Amino acid sequence: AAVAFDELPRLPAVLEQLGFAVVTGVVIPEEVTALKQRFSDAVVELVDEEAVRASGPTVQEVYETLKQEGAGSLPRRTARALSREGFCFRRCLAHSGFAWEVRQDARVRAAWEAVYPGEPLV
């Protein structure tokens, strides 16, 4: 179920009833481009550039495209493999500066506080 950011007081009841919720409006439209860029930068930071240089031209081309155009430029198959293997949520990116920056965002903290008042987010 979706709960708008300006309806956060409803969030605990929705979670209690359905067991899940998506809070919309946490990232405002003006922030989306910058957030996508920071995510892409975090992905690039994790790449072993020496291994890329030692790889074939296809890998090098994909890496250059990633650096130039961001994570949205990754081939669909690669993006799915990274997601399936937990790269973003269970491994590297979950501990990146990007992830910590998102956790410290005032709106993310407000959504957390609506469900877990007084409990630390990190």
Foldseek 3Di string as FASTA:
>chain_A
DEDELVRLLCVQVCCVVPVDYHYPPLQPPVCVVVLQVVVLVQVLVPDDVVVQVVDDPVSVVQSVCSVVPNPVSHPPVVVVVCVVVCVCNPDRVCPTPSVVVVCPRPSVVVSVCSNVPPDDPD
